[in-house]
Amino acid sequence: MKRYKYPPSGVQVYDVDECLWDVREARATKHGFDLLLGSPANTPLGSYFGGLPRLIATPALRDYWELVKTKRRGEIFDLPAGRTTMKRVRRRLGFNSLDDVDAFFQDRIGDLKALKAREFAERYGVDIHVAMDRRFRLLGRKARLLGWWQDEKVLEVLRAPTTLREAGEKLGIKTSQVYRLRERVRADLDRRDGRFLKAA
């Protein structure tokens, strides 16, 4: 980790608002940039008498948070600084975890409806559990109605001599579900045949 407690004279950086800061400490991150702490260069008593060093909102820090704003909090705060300190700077930069995630999914609501959660997560590089949670919150439950498989068109697909995969693609379900439904259809037919034989 790169640190310099008393940096040489002239180590200054501009933050995202073009304010000049004297760097008093640099902490290396695993994301390819340094986290810088310091004091405003225009402090009346001088930067070293302006209190404890504060986290500097550098363009690199802002860009990192922009990149991970839809990720889990573990990634957002995966930096060598206190969480409260980072929250203060994030608020100043206009970041809000909940609002950022909501806006991200609202902008892609069409794909959220059309794609499966796994496909959506792969396309946009988000966690699948986050995608599932947001789809449920924005679109509600997508479960099929009870007994949906007893519709005549569905029964035709289940009775047809096709593979499990082909039937699953037609119905939009997994092969394991096709197998279970075919077993239920066969069981229902066997019960009916048994009743008819007894009646005869």
Foldseek 3Di string as FASTA:
>chain_A
DDWAQCDDPPQWDAAPVRFIWRFRIWDDAPPPGIFTWWAGQVDPVGGVPPDDTATGRHPVLVVLCVVCLQEDPCSNPRDPDDPVSVVVVCVVVPRDNVVVNLVVCVVVVVCLVVDDLVVVCVVVVYDSVSSVVVSCVPPNDPDDDPPPCVPPVNVVLLPDPDQLVVSCVVVVHHSVVSVVVNVVVVVVVVVVVVVVVVVD
